[in-house]
């Protein structure tokens, strides 16, 4: 998912800023790219199982769902209000 090499090409035009700390009150809204989040969490869950089993396991939808809820709750603990998770950018999908 995403644009290949986008982050590396944009790095020179950005700066690093701390935008949240654990335990802060809600101060920022977040818009999440749903497919990228699902892909990333599926890989993390798969890697965790592969480390335990030594093989590439099948990952269930419920495991990915549990990982997504945990990740989103963790972001909220840093002061982000989750407003929307998009399935794609606006426009035809």
C-alpha atoms as a PDB file:
ATOM      1  CA  UNK A   1       0.000   0.000   0.000  1.00  0.00           C
ATOM      2  CA  UNK A   2       1.083   3.559  -0.452  1.00  0.00           C
ATOM      3  CA  UNK A   3       3.454   5.290  -2.816  1.00  0.00           C
ATOM      4  CA  UNK A   4       6.830   3.512  -3.159  1.00  0.00           C
ATOM      5  CA  UNK A   5       9.653   5.689  -1.827  1.00  0.00           C
ATOM      6  CA  UNK A   6       7.289   8.470  -0.730  1.00  0.00           C
ATOM      7  CA  UNK A   7       8.579   8.771   2.850  1.00  0.00           C
ATOM      8  CA  UNK A   8      12.236   8.822   1.823  1.00  0.00           C
ATOM      9  CA  UNK A   9      11.576  11.498  -0.831  1.00  0.00           C
ATOM     10  CA  UNK A  10       9.605  13.665   1.614  1.00  0.00           C
ATOM     11  CA  UNK A  11      12.004  13.304   4.556  1.00  0.00           C
ATOM     12  CA  UNK A  12      14.090  16.340   3.580  1.00  0.00           C
ATOM     13  CA  UNK A  13      10.945  18.510   3.601  1.00  0.00           C
ATOM     14  CA  UNK A  14       9.748  17.553   7.081  1.00  0.00           C
ATOM     15  CA  UNK A  15      10.723  17.835  10.706  1.00  0.00           C
ATOM     16  CA  UNK A  16      10.319  15.599  13.728  1.00  0.00           C
ATOM     17  CA  UNK A  17       7.880  16.796  16.382  1.00  0.00           C
ATOM     18  CA  UNK A  18       6.416  15.177  19.472  1.00  0.00           C
ATOM     19  CA  UNK A  19       2.653  15.402  19.045  1.00  0.00           C
ATOM     20  CA  UNK A  20       1.501  13.366  22.011  1.00  0.00           C
ATOM     21  CA  UNK A  21       2.616  11.937  25.319  1.00  0.00           C
ATOM     22  CA  UNK A  22       1.202   8.966  27.200  1.00  0.00           C
ATOM     23  CA  UNK A  23      -1.668   9.987  29.466  1.00  0.00           C
ATOM     24  CA  UNK A  24      -2.431  13.374  27.842  1.00  0.00           C
ATOM     25  CA  UNK A  25      -5.961  14.636  27.434  1.00  0.00           C
ATOM     26  CA  UNK A  26      -7.475  14.511  23.961  1.00  0.00           C
ATOM     27  CA  UNK A  27      -5.883  17.282  21.929  1.00  0.00           C
ATOM     28  CA  UNK A  28      -5.551  15.963  18.378  1.00  0.00           C
ATOM     29  CA  UNK A  29      -7.719  14.155  15.884  1.00  0.00           C
ATOM     30  CA  UNK A  30      -6.400  11.331  13.735  1.00  0.00           C
ATOM     31  CA  UNK A  31      -7.499   9.992  10.375  1.00  0.00           C
ATOM     32  CA  UNK A  32      -6.271   6.447   9.784  1.00  0.00           C
ATOM     33  CA  UNK A  33      -5.590   4.713   6.461  1.00  0.00           C
ATOM     34  CA  UNK A  34      -7.531   1.511   7.148  1.00  0.00           C
ATOM     35  CA  UNK A  35      -5.919  -0.805   4.552  1.00  0.00           C
ATOM     36  CA  UNK A  36      -2.402   0.198   5.600  1.00  0.00           C
ATOM     37  CA  UNK A  37      -3.259  -0.264   9.272  1.00  0.00           C
ATOM     38  CA  UNK A  38      -4.754  -3.715   8.602  1.00  0.00           C
ATOM     39  CA  UNK A  39      -1.742  -4.767   6.501  1.00  0.00           C
ATOM     40  CA  UNK A  40       0.736  -3.550   9.110  1.00  0.00           C
ATOM     41  CA  UNK A  41      -1.095  -5.214  11.997  1.00  0.00           C
ATOM     42  CA  UNK A  42      -1.490  -8.480  10.056  1.00  0.00           C
ATOM     43  CA  UNK A  43       2.279  -8.531   9.486  1.00  0.00           C
ATOM     44  CA  UNK A  44       2.984  -7.777  13.154  1.00  0.00           C
ATOM     45  CA  UNK A  45       0.641 -10.542  14.347  1.00  0.00           C
ATOM     46  CA  UNK A  46       2.063 -12.960  11.773  1.00  0.00           C
ATOM     47  CA  UNK A  47       5.641 -12.111  12.779  1.00  0.00           C
ATOM     48  CA  UNK A  48       4.792 -12.626  16.458  1.00  0.00           C
ATOM     49  CA  UNK A  49       3.333 -16.086  15.691  1.00  0.00           C
ATOM     50  CA  UNK A  50       6.199 -16.989  13.362  1.00  0.00           C
ATOM     51  CA  UNK A  51       8.670 -16.150  16.135  1.00  0.00           C
ATOM     52  CA  UNK A  52       6.788 -18.512  18.481  1.00  0.00           C
ATOM     53  CA  UNK A  53       6.254 -21.319  15.955  1.00  0.00           C
ATOM     54  CA  UNK A  54       9.225 -20.939  13.624  1.00  0.00           C
ATOM     55  CA  UNK A  55       6.938 -21.039  10.562  1.00  0.00           C
ATOM     56  CA  UNK A  56       4.700 -18.591   8.674  1.00  0.00           C
ATOM     57  CA  UNK A  57       1.288 -19.067  10.335  1.00  0.00           C
ATOM     58  CA  UNK A  58      -2.227 -18.221   9.235  1.00  0.00           C
ATOM     59  CA  UNK A  59      -3.541 -15.158  11.032  1.00  0.00           C
ATOM     60  CA  UNK A  60      -7.254 -14.940  11.858  1.00  0.00           C
ATOM     61  CA  UNK A  61      -9.430 -11.887  11.310  1.00  0.00           C
ATOM     62  CA  UNK A  62     -10.205 -11.841  15.027  1.00  0.00           C
ATOM     63  CA  UNK A  63      -6.484 -11.604  15.868  1.00  0.00           C
ATOM     64  CA  UNK A  64      -6.089  -8.667  13.482  1.00  0.00           C
ATOM     65  CA  UNK A  65      -9.222  -7.066  14.950  1.00  0.00           C
ATOM     66  CA  UNK A  66      -7.911  -7.450  18.501  1.00  0.00           C
ATOM     67  CA  UNK A  67      -4.564  -5.963  17.439  1.00  0.00           C
ATOM     68  CA  UNK A  68      -6.369  -3.032  15.771  1.00  0.00           C
ATOM     69  CA  UNK A  69      -8.429  -2.268  18.881  1.00  0.00           C
ATOM     70  CA  UNK A  70      -5.296  -2.433  21.062  1.00  0.00           C
ATOM     71  CA  UNK A  71      -3.375  -0.158  18.658  1.00  0.00           C
ATOM     72  CA  UNK A  72      -6.210   2.385  18.449  1.00  0.00           C
ATOM     73  CA  UNK A  73      -6.637   2.416  22.244  1.00  0.00           C
ATOM     74  CA  UNK A  74      -2.895   2.967  22.600  1.00  0.00           C
ATOM     75  CA  UNK A  75      -3.091   5.977  20.265  1.00  0.00           C
ATOM     76  CA  UNK A  76      -5.950   7.388  22.343  1.00  0.00           C
ATOM     77  CA  UNK A  77      -3.769   7.069  25.462  1.00  0.00           C
ATOM     78  CA  UNK A  78      -1.411   9.561  23.774  1.00  0.00           C
ATOM     79  CA  UNK A  79      -4.221  12.116  23.431  1.00  0.00           C
ATOM     80  CA  UNK A  80      -5.564  11.328  19.961  1.00  0.00           C
ATOM     81  CA  UNK A  81      -9.265  11.118  19.243  1.00  0.00           C
ATOM     82  CA  UNK A  82      -9.887   8.572  16.509  1.00  0.00           C
ATOM     83  CA  UNK A  83     -12.341  10.291  14.186  1.00  0.00           C
ATOM     84  CA  UNK A  84     -12.398   8.079  11.144  1.00  0.00           C
ATOM     85  CA  UNK A  85     -10.689   5.054   9.650  1.00  0.00           C
ATOM     86  CA  UNK A  86     -10.787   5.349   5.867  1.00  0.00           C
ATOM     87  CA  UNK A  87     -10.971   2.385   3.524  1.00  0.00           C
ATOM     88  CA  UNK A  88      -9.404   4.555   0.824  1.00  0.00           C
ATOM     89  CA  UNK A  89      -8.843   8.177  -0.071  1.00  0.00           C
ATOM     90  CA  UNK A  90     -11.924  10.178  -1.076  1.00  0.00           C
ATOM     91  CA  UNK A  91     -13.036   9.486  -4.615  1.00  0.00           C
ATOM     92  CA  UNK A  92     -13.724   6.251  -6.478  1.00  0.00           C
ATOM     93  CA  UNK A  93     -12.326   3.160  -4.789  1.00  0.00           C
END
